[in-house]
């Protein structure tokens, strides 16, 4: 067996076989599935609609929440979930007095 020498034509940069390109058969992560449910999408739409109703930009809403702008953007686009405590903070920032009313309106849709 000959050892390839750098600079020769038979040199391969990777000593291990490279997997074939194309679609990878990766299992979907369970944490991404709830975001596709109608309730999460309806909540994201409600948050976005309320921010627009108040005339708040993503940057202004992020300042009110004390969160990074990208986090706020992902949340109102439905790419990120809210935990219950964080949802209460969002309700306060958007001027909603009762979070339960928001939850009930989202669940009916």
C-alpha atoms as a PDB file:
ATOM      1  CA  UNK A   1       0.000   0.000   0.000  1.00  0.00           C
ATOM      2  CA  UNK A   2       1.343   3.375  -0.944  1.00  0.00           C
ATOM      3  CA  UNK A   3       0.807   6.485   1.106  1.00  0.00           C
ATOM      4  CA  UNK A   4      -0.417   9.487  -0.889  1.00  0.00           C
ATOM      5  CA  UNK A   5       1.961  12.406  -0.884  1.00  0.00           C
ATOM      6  CA  UNK A   6       0.755  15.977  -0.737  1.00  0.00           C
ATOM      7  CA  UNK A   7       0.906  17.618  -4.127  1.00  0.00           C
ATOM      8  CA  UNK A   8       0.413  14.431  -6.126  1.00  0.00           C
ATOM      9  CA  UNK A   9      -2.701  13.545  -8.119  1.00  0.00           C
ATOM     10  CA  UNK A  10      -3.722  10.625  -5.917  1.00  0.00           C
ATOM     11  CA  UNK A  11      -3.890  12.743  -2.752  1.00  0.00           C
ATOM     12  CA  UNK A  12      -7.324  12.878  -1.111  1.00  0.00           C
ATOM     13  CA  UNK A  13      -7.918  15.597   1.479  1.00  0.00           C
ATOM     14  CA  UNK A  14     -10.060  13.334   3.691  1.00  0.00           C
ATOM     15  CA  UNK A  15      -8.772   9.940   4.753  1.00  0.00           C
ATOM     16  CA  UNK A  16     -12.323   8.753   5.468  1.00  0.00           C
ATOM     17  CA  UNK A  17     -15.092   8.124   2.947  1.00  0.00           C
ATOM     18  CA  UNK A  18     -17.321  11.130   2.329  1.00  0.00           C
ATOM     19  CA  UNK A  19     -21.068  10.396   2.593  1.00  0.00           C
ATOM     20  CA  UNK A  20     -23.022  10.897  -0.620  1.00  0.00           C
ATOM     21  CA  UNK A  21     -24.628  14.287  -1.001  1.00  0.00           C
ATOM     22  CA  UNK A  22     -28.368  14.741  -1.162  1.00  0.00           C
ATOM     23  CA  UNK A  23     -31.226  14.604   1.277  1.00  0.00           C
ATOM     24  CA  UNK A  24     -30.300  13.465   4.727  1.00  0.00           C
ATOM     25  CA  UNK A  25     -32.684  11.208   6.563  1.00  0.00           C
ATOM     26  CA  UNK A  26     -32.794  13.052   9.836  1.00  0.00           C
ATOM     27  CA  UNK A  27     -35.643  12.584  12.246  1.00  0.00           C
ATOM     28  CA  UNK A  28     -37.594  15.735  12.978  1.00  0.00           C
ATOM     29  CA  UNK A  29     -37.049  17.132  16.407  1.00  0.00           C
ATOM     30  CA  UNK A  30     -40.156  16.960  18.584  1.00  0.00           C
ATOM     31  CA  UNK A  31     -39.566  20.495  19.893  1.00  0.00           C
ATOM     32  CA  UNK A  32     -40.305  21.949  16.438  1.00  0.00           C
ATOM     33  CA  UNK A  33     -43.648  20.208  15.990  1.00  0.00           C
ATOM     34  CA  UNK A  34     -45.775  22.240  18.454  1.00  0.00           C
ATOM     35  CA  UNK A  35     -44.945  25.440  16.575  1.00  0.00           C
ATOM     36  CA  UNK A  36     -46.810  24.070  13.585  1.00  0.00           C
ATOM     37  CA  UNK A  37     -50.017  23.584  15.562  1.00  0.00           C
ATOM     38  CA  UNK A  38     -52.801  26.040  14.908  1.00  0.00           C
ATOM     39  CA  UNK A  39     -52.876  27.329  18.496  1.00  0.00           C
ATOM     40  CA  UNK A  40     -49.214  28.413  18.393  1.00  0.00           C
ATOM     41  CA  UNK A  41     -49.635  30.004  14.993  1.00  0.00           C
ATOM     42  CA  UNK A  42     -52.782  31.814  16.170  1.00  0.00           C
ATOM     43  CA  UNK A  43     -50.937  33.086  19.255  1.00  0.00           C
ATOM     44  CA  UNK A  44     -48.067  34.377  17.121  1.00  0.00           C
ATOM     45  CA  UNK A  45     -50.559  36.152  14.834  1.00  0.00           C
ATOM     46  CA  UNK A  46     -52.335  37.666  17.843  1.00  0.00           C
ATOM     47  CA  UNK A  47     -49.042  38.971  19.264  1.00  0.00           C
ATOM     48  CA  UNK A  48     -48.042  40.446  15.924  1.00  0.00           C
ATOM     49  CA  UNK A  49     -51.468  42.015  15.350  1.00  0.00           C
ATOM     50  CA  UNK A  50     -51.449  43.614  18.808  1.00  0.00           C
ATOM     51  CA  UNK A  51     -47.948  45.039  18.282  1.00  0.00           C
ATOM     52  CA  UNK A  52     -49.046  46.497  14.929  1.00  0.00           C
ATOM     53  CA  UNK A  53     -52.218  47.856  16.532  1.00  0.00           C
ATOM     54  CA  UNK A  54     -50.087  49.699  19.087  1.00  0.00           C
ATOM     55  CA  UNK A  55     -47.693  50.879  16.376  1.00  0.00           C
ATOM     56  CA  UNK A  56     -44.738  49.048  17.926  1.00  0.00           C
ATOM     57  CA  UNK A  57     -41.822  47.947  15.813  1.00  0.00           C
ATOM     58  CA  UNK A  58     -39.950  44.754  16.638  1.00  0.00           C
ATOM     59  CA  UNK A  59     -37.125  46.845  18.056  1.00  0.00           C
ATOM     60  CA  UNK A  60     -39.466  48.855  20.317  1.00  0.00           C
ATOM     61  CA  UNK A  61     -41.201  45.720  21.541  1.00  0.00           C
ATOM     62  CA  UNK A  62     -37.818  44.119  22.239  1.00  0.00           C
ATOM     63  CA  UNK A  63     -36.862  47.132  24.341  1.00  0.00           C
ATOM     64  CA  UNK A  64     -40.104  46.878  26.331  1.00  0.00           C
ATOM     65  CA  UNK A  65     -39.500  43.185  26.955  1.00  0.00           C
ATOM     66  CA  UNK A  66     -35.772  43.486  27.593  1.00  0.00           C
ATOM     67  CA  UNK A  67     -35.131  40.782  24.994  1.00  0.00           C
ATOM     68  CA  UNK A  68     -32.960  40.652  21.877  1.00  0.00           C
ATOM     69  CA  UNK A  69     -34.648  41.812  18.693  1.00  0.00           C
ATOM     70  CA  UNK A  70     -34.132  38.430  17.015  1.00  0.00           C
ATOM     71  CA  UNK A  71     -35.897  36.635  19.870  1.00  0.00           C
ATOM     72  CA  UNK A  72     -38.922  38.920  19.539  1.00  0.00           C
ATOM     73  CA  UNK A  73     -38.970  38.530  15.762  1.00  0.00           C
ATOM     74  CA  UNK A  74     -38.834  34.721  15.944  1.00  0.00           C
ATOM     75  CA  UNK A  75     -41.639  34.722  18.494  1.00  0.00           C
ATOM     76  CA  UNK A  76     -44.042  36.858  16.495  1.00  0.00           C
ATOM     77  CA  UNK A  77     -43.245  34.884  13.347  1.00  0.00           C
ATOM     78  CA  UNK A  78     -44.099  31.608  15.079  1.00  0.00           C
ATOM     79  CA  UNK A  79     -40.567  30.198  15.025  1.00  0.00           C
ATOM     80  CA  UNK A  80     -40.138  30.277  18.802  1.00  0.00           C
ATOM     81  CA  UNK A  81     -42.332  29.210  21.699  1.00  0.00           C
ATOM     82  CA  UNK A  82     -43.150  31.202  24.810  1.00  0.00           C
ATOM     83  CA  UNK A  83     -43.133  29.736  28.281  1.00  0.00           C
ATOM     84  CA  UNK A  84     -46.033  30.778  30.544  1.00  0.00           C
ATOM     85  CA  UNK A  85     -44.045  33.331  32.566  1.00  0.00           C
ATOM     86  CA  UNK A  86     -42.679  34.900  29.406  1.00  0.00           C
ATOM     87  CA  UNK A  87     -46.201  35.032  27.955  1.00  0.00           C
ATOM     88  CA  UNK A  88     -47.333  37.106  30.934  1.00  0.00           C
ATOM     89  CA  UNK A  89     -44.440  39.518  30.266  1.00  0.00           C
ATOM     90  CA  UNK A  90     -45.536  39.788  26.635  1.00  0.00           C
ATOM     91  CA  UNK A  91     -49.112  40.529  27.715  1.00  0.00           C
ATOM     92  CA  UNK A  92     -47.893  43.334  29.982  1.00  0.00           C
ATOM     93  CA  UNK A  93     -45.692  44.777  27.225  1.00  0.00           C
ATOM     94  CA  UNK A  94     -48.608  44.706  24.772  1.00  0.00           C
ATOM     95  CA  UNK A  95     -51.078  46.220  27.233  1.00  0.00           C
ATOM     96  CA  UNK A  96     -53.273  43.162  27.719  1.00  0.00           C
ATOM     97  CA  UNK A  97     -54.674  43.114  31.244  1.00  0.00           C
ATOM     98  CA  UNK A  98     -55.825  39.487  31.351  1.00  0.00           C
ATOM     99  CA  UNK A  99     -53.674  36.795  29.682  1.00  0.00           C
ATOM    100  CA  UNK A 100     -56.516  34.267  30.015  1.00  0.00           C
ATOM    101  CA  UNK A 101     -58.665  36.246  27.581  1.00  0.00           C
ATOM    102  CA  UNK A 102     -55.878  36.043  25.013  1.00  0.00           C
ATOM    103  CA  UNK A 103     -55.464  32.299  25.568  1.00  0.00           C
ATOM    104  CA  UNK A 104     -59.202  31.674  25.236  1.00  0.00           C
ATOM    105  CA  UNK A 105     -59.433  33.704  22.043  1.00  0.00           C
ATOM    106  CA  UNK A 106     -56.525  31.782  20.535  1.00  0.00           C
ATOM    107  CA  UNK A 107     -57.953  28.388  21.517  1.00  0.00           C
ATOM    108  CA  UNK A 108     -61.285  29.110  19.800  1.00  0.00           C
ATOM    109  CA  UNK A 109     -59.716  29.697  16.391  1.00  0.00           C
END
